[in-house]
Protein backbone atom coordinates (compact mmCIF):
# COMPACT_ATOMS: atom_id res chain seq x y z
CA MET A 1 -30.94 -17.41 21.58
CA ASN A 2 -33.68 -18.87 23.68
CA ASN A 3 -33.37 -17.48 27.21
CA ASP A 4 -36.34 -19.33 28.64
CA LYS A 5 -34.91 -20.57 31.95
CA SER A 6 -37.31 -23.48 32.13
CA LYS A 7 -35.86 -24.87 28.88
CA PRO A 8 -32.58 -23.02 28.40
CA GLY A 9 -31.95 -22.99 24.71
CA LEU A 10 -33.19 -26.51 24.07
CA SER A 11 -36.45 -28.01 22.88
CA THR A 12 -37.45 -31.56 22.08
CA PRO A 13 -37.95 -32.05 18.33
CA LYS A 14 -41.31 -33.47 17.31
CA SER A 15 -40.59 -34.94 13.91
CA PRO A 16 -36.90 -35.91 14.05
CA LYS A 17 -36.12 -38.50 16.70
CA SER A 18 -34.33 -37.63 19.91
CA VAL A 19 -31.91 -39.80 21.85
CA ARG A 20 -34.15 -39.18 24.85
CA ASN A 21 -36.50 -36.33 25.69
CA ASN A 22 -34.86 -33.52 27.66
CA GLU A 23 -34.94 -34.16 31.40
CA PRO A 24 -33.27 -32.36 34.30
CA ALA A 25 -29.70 -33.65 34.45
CA THR A 26 -29.36 -34.54 38.14
CA PRO A 27 -27.25 -37.19 39.85
CA ASN A 28 -28.85 -40.52 40.63
CA GLU A 29 -30.00 -40.31 44.26
CA ASN A 30 -29.49 -44.04 44.79
CA ASN A 31 -25.82 -43.74 43.92
CA PRO A 32 -24.17 -40.28 44.28
CA ASP A 33 -21.21 -41.38 42.14
CA ASP A 34 -23.48 -42.22 39.21
CA HIS A 35 -24.45 -38.98 37.47
CA ARG A 36 -26.96 -40.45 35.04
CA PRO A 37 -30.44 -39.00 35.56
CA SER A 38 -32.87 -41.17 37.51
CA SER A 39 -36.32 -42.12 36.21
CA PRO A 40 -39.37 -41.67 38.48
CA ASP A 41 -39.04 -45.21 39.86
CA GLY A 42 -35.43 -44.56 40.84
CA SER A 43 -33.87 -46.64 38.10
CA VAL A 44 -31.08 -45.24 35.97
CA CYS A 45 -32.01 -43.93 32.53
CA SER A 46 -30.01 -45.04 29.50
CA ILE A 47 -30.17 -44.39 25.80
CA ALA A 48 -30.75 -47.88 24.56
CA PRO A 49 -32.58 -50.39 26.76
CA GLY A 50 -30.43 -53.46 27.33
CA ALA A 51 -27.25 -51.78 26.15
CA VAL A 52 -24.07 -52.65 28.01
CA VAL A 53 -22.70 -49.69 29.99
CA ASP A 54 -20.76 -51.17 32.91
CA SER A 55 -17.06 -51.75 32.29
CA ASN A 56 -17.14 -55.48 33.00
CA LEU A 57 -14.34 -57.75 31.87
CA PRO A 58 -14.82 -58.22 28.11
CA GLN A 59 -15.47 -61.62 26.69
CA LYS A 60 -12.76 -63.14 24.52
CA VAL A 61 -13.23 -62.42 20.84
CA ASP A 62 -12.30 -65.19 18.40
CA GLU A 63 -10.31 -62.95 16.07
CA SER A 64 -9.30 -65.77 13.73
CA ASP A 65 -12.91 -66.38 12.65
CA LEU A 66 -13.54 -62.65 12.30
CA SER A 67 -10.35 -62.23 10.32
CA ASP A 68 -11.47 -64.94 7.88
CA VAL A 69 -14.85 -63.26 7.38
CA MET A 70 -13.22 -59.86 6.88
CA SER A 71 -10.60 -61.26 4.51
CA GLU A 72 -13.23 -62.89 2.31
CA ALA A 73 -15.32 -59.70 2.20
CA ILE A 74 -12.26 -57.60 1.38
CA LYS A 75 -11.35 -59.93 -1.51
CA GLU A 76 -14.86 -59.63 -2.94
CA LEU A 77 -14.80 -55.83 -2.73
CA ASP A 78 -11.31 -55.61 -4.22
CA GLN A 79 -12.40 -57.77 -7.14
CA LEU A 80 -15.47 -55.59 -7.68
CA ILE A 81 -13.29 -52.49 -7.77
CA LYS A 82 -10.88 -54.19 -10.18
CA ASP A 83 -13.72 -55.15 -12.51
CA GLU A 84 -15.79 -51.96 -12.40
CA GLY A 85 -13.43 -49.15 -11.47
CA THR A 86 -12.21 -47.13 -8.48
CA ASP A 87 -15.47 -45.24 -7.95
CA VAL A 88 -17.85 -48.21 -8.02
CA LEU A 89 -18.36 -48.31 -4.24
CA LEU A 90 -18.45 -44.53 -4.00
CA ASN A 91 -21.28 -44.42 -6.54
CA ASP A 92 -23.19 -47.23 -4.83
CA GLU A 93 -24.01 -45.33 -1.65
CA ILE A 94 -24.98 -47.16 1.52
CA LYS A 95 -26.80 -45.03 4.08
CA ASP A 96 -25.71 -45.01 7.68
CA PRO A 97 -28.85 -45.70 9.78
CA ALA A 98 -27.33 -43.90 12.77
CA CYS A 99 -26.77 -40.72 10.72
CA ASP A 100 -29.96 -40.29 8.68
CA PRO A 101 -30.34 -36.78 7.24
CA ASP A 102 -34.11 -37.27 7.05
CA VAL A 103 -34.38 -38.18 10.74
CA PRO A 104 -31.50 -36.48 12.57
CA VAL A 105 -30.85 -37.24 16.24
CA PHE A 106 -30.76 -34.52 18.88
CA VAL A 107 -28.23 -35.55 21.52
CA ASP A 108 -29.62 -34.39 24.84
CA GLN A 109 -28.80 -34.41 28.54
CA VAL A 110 -29.67 -38.01 29.31
CA ALA A 111 -27.18 -39.18 26.70
CA ILE A 112 -24.47 -36.76 27.78
CA TRP A 113 -24.78 -37.45 31.52
CA ASP A 114 -24.77 -41.17 30.82
CA ALA A 115 -21.51 -40.68 28.90
CA TYR A 116 -20.12 -38.47 31.66
CA SER A 117 -20.81 -41.24 34.19
CA GLU A 118 -19.02 -43.70 31.93
CA MET A 119 -15.99 -41.39 31.78
CA LYS A 120 -15.88 -41.43 35.58
CA ARG A 121 -16.19 -45.21 35.77
CA ALA A 122 -13.49 -45.64 33.12
CA HIS A 123 -11.12 -43.19 34.80
CA ALA A 124 -8.26 -45.69 34.54
CA ASP A 125 -8.54 -45.50 30.74
CA ILE A 126 -9.96 -42.00 30.13
CA LYS A 127 -8.19 -39.08 31.75
CA ARG A 128 -10.13 -36.36 33.51
CA THR A 129 -8.02 -33.66 31.82
CA PRO A 130 -7.41 -30.26 33.45
CA CYS A 131 -8.85 -26.95 32.31
CA THR A 132 -6.35 -24.42 33.60
CA ARG A 133 -5.55 -20.73 33.29
CA SER A 134 -3.04 -19.91 30.58
CA ARG A 135 0.01 -17.70 31.01
CA LEU A 136 -1.18 -15.96 27.84
CA SER A 137 -3.95 -14.40 29.94
CA ASP A 138 -1.55 -11.72 31.25
CA THR A 139 -0.15 -11.03 27.78
CA LEU A 140 -3.56 -10.71 26.10
CA GLY A 141 -5.26 -8.92 29.00
CA THR A 142 -8.05 -11.42 29.45
CA GLU A 143 -8.71 -14.69 31.26
CA ILE A 144 -7.97 -17.69 29.04
CA TYR A 145 -8.36 -21.30 30.12
CA PHE A 146 -7.29 -24.32 28.09
CA LYS A 147 -9.06 -27.68 28.20
CA LYS A 148 -6.15 -30.05 27.67
CA ASP A 149 -7.50 -33.20 26.07
CA PHE A 150 -4.24 -33.65 24.20
CA MET A 151 -3.24 -35.37 27.45
CA GLN A 152 -5.36 -38.42 26.59
CA VAL A 153 -3.32 -41.53 25.74
CA THR A 154 -3.84 -41.21 21.97
CA GLY A 155 -3.61 -37.42 22.10
CA SER A 156 -7.16 -36.18 21.56
CA PHE A 157 -10.73 -35.87 22.85
CA LYS A 158 -11.77 -38.64 20.44
CA GLU A 159 -11.15 -41.20 23.18
CA ARG A 160 -14.31 -40.07 24.97
CA GLY A 161 -16.72 -40.84 22.16
CA ALA A 162 -14.89 -44.01 21.17
CA ARG A 163 -15.06 -45.44 24.67
CA TYR A 164 -18.73 -44.56 25.14
CA PHE A 165 -19.63 -46.05 21.76
CA CYS A 166 -17.87 -49.33 22.60
CA GLU A 167 -19.52 -49.52 26.01
CA LYS A 168 -22.98 -49.13 24.49
CA LEU A 169 -22.50 -52.15 22.22
CA ASP A 170 -23.92 -55.43 23.47
CA MET A 171 -21.58 -58.43 23.59
CA ASP A 172 -22.83 -59.91 20.33
CA LYS A 173 -22.02 -56.69 18.47
CA ARG A 174 -18.60 -56.53 20.09
CA LYS A 175 -17.86 -60.05 18.86
CA ILE A 176 -18.99 -59.29 15.31
CA GLY A 177 -16.96 -56.10 15.39
CA VAL A 178 -17.12 -52.50 14.27
CA VAL A 179 -15.83 -50.81 11.13
CA THR A 180 -14.89 -47.17 10.74
CA ALA A 181 -13.20 -44.88 8.23
CA SER A 182 -10.64 -42.45 9.58
CA ALA A 183 -7.20 -41.12 8.83
CA GLY A 184 -6.33 -39.95 12.31
CA ASN A 185 -7.39 -39.50 15.89
CA HIS A 186 -10.74 -41.34 15.79
CA ALA A 187 -9.09 -44.42 14.32
CA GLN A 188 -6.50 -44.56 17.11
CA ALA A 189 -9.07 -43.90 19.83
CA LEU A 190 -11.43 -46.60 18.57
CA ALA A 191 -8.56 -49.07 18.18
CA ARG A 192 -7.49 -48.50 21.78
CA HIS A 193 -10.90 -48.73 23.39
CA GLY A 194 -11.97 -51.57 21.15
CA LYS A 195 -9.09 -53.58 22.56
CA ILE A 196 -9.96 -52.59 26.14
CA THR A 197 -13.65 -53.50 25.79
CA GLY A 198 -13.17 -56.65 23.75
CA THR A 199 -14.51 -55.13 20.53
CA TYR A 200 -13.02 -56.26 17.21
CA VAL A 201 -12.14 -53.08 15.29
CA THR A 202 -11.45 -52.65 11.58
CA VAL A 203 -10.24 -49.26 10.39
CA VAL A 204 -10.25 -48.25 6.72
CA MET A 205 -7.75 -45.48 5.99
CA PRO A 206 -6.99 -43.59 2.77
CA GLU A 207 -3.83 -44.77 1.06
CA GLN A 208 -2.09 -41.46 1.84
CA ALA A 209 -2.79 -41.70 5.59
CA PRO A 210 0.28 -40.83 7.70
CA LEU A 211 2.36 -43.96 8.25
CA ILE A 212 2.79 -43.16 11.94
CA LYS A 213 -0.99 -43.23 12.46
CA VAL A 214 -1.37 -46.43 10.46
CA GLU A 215 1.24 -48.16 12.58
CA SER A 216 -0.23 -46.71 15.76
CA CYS A 217 -3.64 -48.22 14.97
CA ARG A 218 -2.08 -51.60 14.28
CA LYS A 219 -0.11 -51.52 17.52
CA LEU A 220 -3.31 -50.65 19.37
CA GLY A 221 -4.90 -53.83 18.03
CA ALA A 222 -7.00 -52.70 15.06
CA ASN A 223 -7.26 -54.45 11.71
CA VAL A 224 -6.12 -51.70 9.31
CA ILE A 225 -7.07 -51.55 5.62
CA LEU A 226 -5.59 -48.95 3.28
CA HIS A 227 -7.93 -48.04 0.44
CA GLY A 228 -8.56 -45.21 -1.98
CA PRO A 229 -7.08 -41.81 -2.74
CA GLY A 230 -9.17 -39.97 -0.17
CA PHE A 231 -11.55 -40.20 2.77
CA GLY A 232 -14.63 -40.57 0.55
CA HIS A 233 -13.35 -43.78 -1.03
CA ALA A 234 -12.22 -45.11 2.35
CA LYS A 235 -15.63 -44.47 3.89
CA ALA A 236 -17.47 -46.11 0.98
CA PHE A 237 -15.27 -49.20 1.33
CA ALA A 238 -15.88 -49.27 5.10
CA MET A 239 -19.66 -49.00 4.66
CA HIS A 240 -19.76 -51.85 2.14
CA LEU A 241 -17.45 -53.94 4.31
CA ALA A 242 -19.73 -53.47 7.33
CA LYS A 243 -22.76 -54.47 5.27
CA LYS A 244 -21.08 -57.63 3.95
CA THR A 245 -19.82 -58.81 7.33
CA GLY A 246 -22.67 -57.68 9.58
CA ALA A 247 -20.34 -55.41 11.53
CA VAL A 248 -21.47 -52.05 12.94
CA TYR A 249 -20.27 -48.98 11.07
CA VAL A 250 -19.45 -46.00 13.31
CA ASN A 251 -19.15 -42.43 12.07
CA GLY A 252 -16.34 -40.84 14.08
CA TYR A 253 -17.90 -37.38 14.28
CA ASP A 254 -21.64 -37.97 13.98
CA HIS A 255 -22.81 -41.16 15.66
CA PRO A 256 -25.07 -40.13 18.60
CA HIS A 257 -22.96 -42.03 21.12
CA ILE A 258 -19.82 -40.33 19.80
CA LEU A 259 -21.44 -36.91 20.27
CA ALA A 260 -22.59 -37.79 23.77
CA GLY A 261 -19.08 -38.92 24.70
CA GLN A 262 -17.57 -35.65 23.50
CA GLY A 263 -20.24 -33.75 25.46
CA SER A 264 -18.73 -35.01 28.72
CA MET A 265 -15.98 -32.48 28.14
CA GLY A 266 -18.51 -29.66 28.43
CA ILE A 267 -19.56 -30.79 31.91
CA GLU A 268 -15.92 -30.96 33.00
CA ILE A 269 -15.30 -27.42 31.72
CA LEU A 270 -18.16 -26.08 33.85
CA GLU A 271 -16.84 -27.95 36.88
CA ASP A 272 -13.41 -26.33 36.51
CA VAL A 273 -14.47 -22.87 35.29
CA PRO A 274 -18.07 -22.40 36.50
CA ASP A 275 -18.12 -18.70 35.61
CA VAL A 276 -16.85 -19.12 32.04
CA ASP A 277 -18.29 -16.55 29.61
CA TYR A 278 -17.22 -17.95 26.24
CA ILE A 279 -16.20 -21.35 24.93
CA ILE A 280 -14.28 -21.26 21.66
CA CYS A 281 -14.33 -24.58 19.84
CA PRO A 282 -12.77 -25.73 16.54
CA ILE A 283 -15.17 -27.31 14.04
CA GLY A 284 -14.36 -30.19 11.71
CA GLY A 285 -17.23 -32.66 11.41
CA GLY A 286 -19.04 -30.95 14.27
CA GLY A 287 -19.11 -33.75 16.84
CA LEU A 288 -17.18 -31.90 19.54
CA ILE A 289 -19.02 -28.60 19.32
CA ALA A 290 -22.37 -30.42 19.19
CA GLY A 291 -21.70 -32.40 22.34
CA ILE A 292 -20.26 -29.45 24.24
CA SER A 293 -22.96 -26.98 23.21
CA SER A 294 -25.77 -29.36 24.16
CA ALA A 295 -24.24 -29.95 27.60
CA VAL A 296 -23.20 -26.39 28.37
CA LYS A 297 -26.23 -24.49 27.06
CA TYR A 298 -28.53 -26.68 29.14
CA LEU A 299 -26.58 -26.11 32.34
CA ARG A 300 -25.38 -22.52 31.73
CA PRO A 301 -27.56 -20.80 29.08
CA SER A 302 -25.59 -17.55 29.38
CA VAL A 303 -22.36 -19.11 28.08
CA LYS A 304 -21.67 -18.16 24.47
CA ILE A 305 -20.19 -20.82 22.22
CA ILE A 306 -18.17 -19.76 19.18
CA GLY A 307 -17.01 -22.13 16.47
CA VAL A 308 -13.75 -21.74 14.54
CA GLU A 309 -13.00 -22.93 11.02
CA SER A 310 -10.07 -22.52 8.68
CA THR A 311 -10.79 -20.42 5.58
CA ARG A 312 -9.69 -23.48 3.62
CA THR A 313 -12.21 -25.84 5.23
CA PRO A 314 -15.51 -23.93 5.68
CA SER A 315 -17.79 -26.99 5.80
CA TRP A 316 -19.93 -25.83 8.75
CA SER A 317 -20.42 -22.36 7.29
CA SER A 318 -21.40 -23.96 4.00
CA ALA A 319 -23.98 -26.11 5.79
CA MET A 320 -25.40 -23.05 7.57
CA GLU A 321 -25.74 -21.20 4.28
CA ASN A 322 -27.56 -24.15 2.70
CA GLY A 323 -29.67 -24.96 5.74
CA LYS A 324 -28.33 -28.51 5.93
CA PRO A 325 -25.05 -30.42 5.56
CA LEU A 326 -23.86 -30.67 1.98
CA LEU A 327 -20.56 -31.63 0.41
CA CYS A 328 -18.25 -28.61 0.76
CA ARG A 329 -16.25 -28.34 -2.46
CA ALA A 330 -13.84 -25.81 -0.93
CA THR A 331 -12.86 -28.28 1.79
CA VAL A 332 -12.41 -31.07 -0.77
CA SER A 333 -10.15 -28.94 -2.97
CA CYS A 334 -7.99 -27.82 -0.04
CA ALA A 335 -7.77 -31.16 1.75
CA LYS A 336 -4.05 -31.51 1.04
CA GLN A 337 -3.24 -27.84 1.61
CA THR A 338 -4.20 -27.41 5.26
CA ILE A 339 -2.13 -27.57 8.43
CA ALA A 340 -5.31 -28.32 10.36
CA ASP A 341 -6.27 -31.70 8.92
CA GLY A 342 -8.56 -32.31 11.91
CA LEU A 343 -10.84 -29.58 10.53
CA SER A 344 -10.80 -30.94 6.99
CA VAL A 345 -14.15 -32.76 6.94
CA PRO A 346 -16.02 -32.10 3.67
CA PHE A 347 -19.45 -33.14 4.97
CA VAL A 348 -20.37 -32.15 8.53
CA GLY A 349 -22.42 -34.57 10.58
CA VAL A 350 -26.21 -34.44 10.23
CA ASN A 351 -26.77 -35.22 13.92
CA ALA A 352 -24.06 -32.78 14.95
CA PHE A 353 -25.55 -30.05 12.78
CA TYR A 354 -29.08 -30.63 14.04
CA THR A 355 -27.93 -30.66 17.67
CA ALA A 356 -25.69 -27.59 17.56
CA LYS A 357 -27.08 -25.23 14.93
CA GLY A 358 -29.38 -23.36 17.33
CA LEU A 359 -26.91 -23.30 20.22
CA ILE A 360 -23.81 -21.76 18.66
CA GLU A 361 -23.45 -17.99 18.94
CA ARG A 362 -21.55 -17.74 15.68
CA VAL A 363 -18.80 -19.33 13.58
CA VAL A 364 -15.66 -17.49 12.48
CA GLN A 365 -13.07 -18.37 9.88
CA ILE A 366 -9.35 -17.68 10.21
CA ASP A 367 -6.42 -17.77 7.85
CA GLU A 368 -4.09 -20.69 8.50
CA ASP A 369 -1.17 -18.37 9.12
CA TRP A 370 -2.83 -17.59 12.45
CA ILE A 371 -3.12 -21.27 13.25
CA ALA A 372 0.63 -21.58 12.68
CA VAL A 373 1.23 -18.59 14.98
CA ALA A 374 -1.01 -20.15 17.63
CA ILE A 375 0.91 -23.44 17.51
CA LEU A 376 4.14 -21.51 18.14
CA ARG A 377 2.64 -19.40 20.95
CA LEU A 378 1.39 -22.53 22.71
CA LEU A 379 4.83 -24.08 22.44
CA GLU A 380 6.47 -20.94 23.84
CA SER A 381 4.04 -20.13 26.65
CA GLU A 382 2.51 -23.49 27.57
CA LYS A 383 5.35 -25.85 26.59
CA ALA A 384 2.75 -27.90 24.72
CA VAL A 385 2.93 -29.30 21.21
CA VAL A 386 -0.55 -29.41 19.65
CA GLU A 387 -1.86 -30.03 16.16
CA GLY A 388 -3.31 -27.30 13.98
CA ALA A 389 -6.96 -28.07 14.67
CA GLY A 390 -6.42 -27.88 18.43
CA ALA A 391 -4.61 -24.55 18.16
CA SER A 392 -7.25 -22.84 16.02
CA GLY A 393 -9.22 -21.49 18.98
CA LEU A 394 -6.24 -19.47 20.14
CA GLY A 395 -5.62 -18.54 16.52
CA ALA A 396 -9.06 -16.93 16.41
CA ILE A 397 -8.25 -14.72 19.41
CA LEU A 398 -4.83 -13.75 18.06
CA SER A 399 -6.21 -12.96 14.59
CA GLY A 400 -8.64 -10.30 15.80
CA VAL A 401 -11.76 -11.89 14.28
CA LEU A 402 -13.36 -11.76 17.73
CA PRO A 403 -13.14 -8.04 18.58
CA GLU A 404 -15.81 -8.38 21.27
CA LEU A 405 -13.34 -10.41 23.32
CA GLN A 406 -10.34 -8.10 23.08
CA GLY A 407 -9.17 -6.52 26.32
CA LYS A 408 -12.20 -7.55 28.36
CA LYS A 409 -11.94 -9.18 31.76
CA MET A 410 -13.95 -12.21 30.78
CA ARG A 411 -13.25 -15.92 30.98
CA TYR A 412 -12.70 -17.90 27.79
CA CYS A 413 -12.17 -21.61 27.48
CA LEU A 414 -10.39 -22.93 24.41
CA MET A 415 -10.34 -26.56 23.27
CA ARG A 416 -6.88 -27.95 22.68
CA TRP A 417 -5.84 -31.34 21.28
């Protein structure tokens, strides 16, 4: 760990691009309620010059025209698949310019504070969720705090990144629309905030996606397409659809604006528990731990951040072993055998990996039996029903894979969604 107090744990990359160079994250003196850093001339910094950030009333989107364009593109892709086979789009890879493995993006403080300010401005739509002491603290003999982002409207932290991404789109992009591939929380979050911001949203889901989530996305206003046996086929279809229609494709766990939005949670944690010693964070695609680690390690370098994976979905550990994100075969083979589907991402984000790899203390893996136990303990002690991914942090403590935390009077914050 880099303990240089002048640059606590962070450095600006020279070859890969950075969202913005690291700058002291201080509130804007011209407006105390706006926490985006100020530039020397007093103006507010932003990631993309000219990008829309203010939550103005969205312009009306002519959905009938967009629907016609989408329908025509979908017909063309369906015919191509019929003629050349199920894997034709999967084999014809389209690269995501926002997630380029050759030029990864480091998501820094300017991006995260800008997102944090947006969360405050959008407080009617994004909840400022509590981070409170758990009753399990007395049972386990240590101080445990839970960050409760399951209290968001769609039930997860994904709303933060989705809202920030939509706000950063200019009006022309909002009218053309965005396309994403997701089987769960990101799809619902993007559908909701797309509707709020006047952004036309198309979600491609695998054919086996839970019906309740499919219907939820539709009720939230998204155009939902079911395609393919798994996430890989759904993503390939979404990428080709975006290319054909001119829409913007957004990676739900690796787009820089998504990471910055999730990082706002790290600032909130430090506001509620300023003397926290450890933050224990589940890892799927890596977007949450990347955003949180970038925010927290800059502001409190002494805080140790520990990632948690299921033994069935070790994608981050696989990337660490290889030195870069690669397809994790173990995660692919166990995709239908996990109770923590939020952690089942076979290819971690390149931007997330580049941002977080030097900031995480370590990553542990736990058996899914402990995730099941953690879900039950949270129901019993906190009266909260959470999904497997959100319970895995507590599962790590209960399992004993973190012996350095046992019985010590230290403060731990666990993500929960």
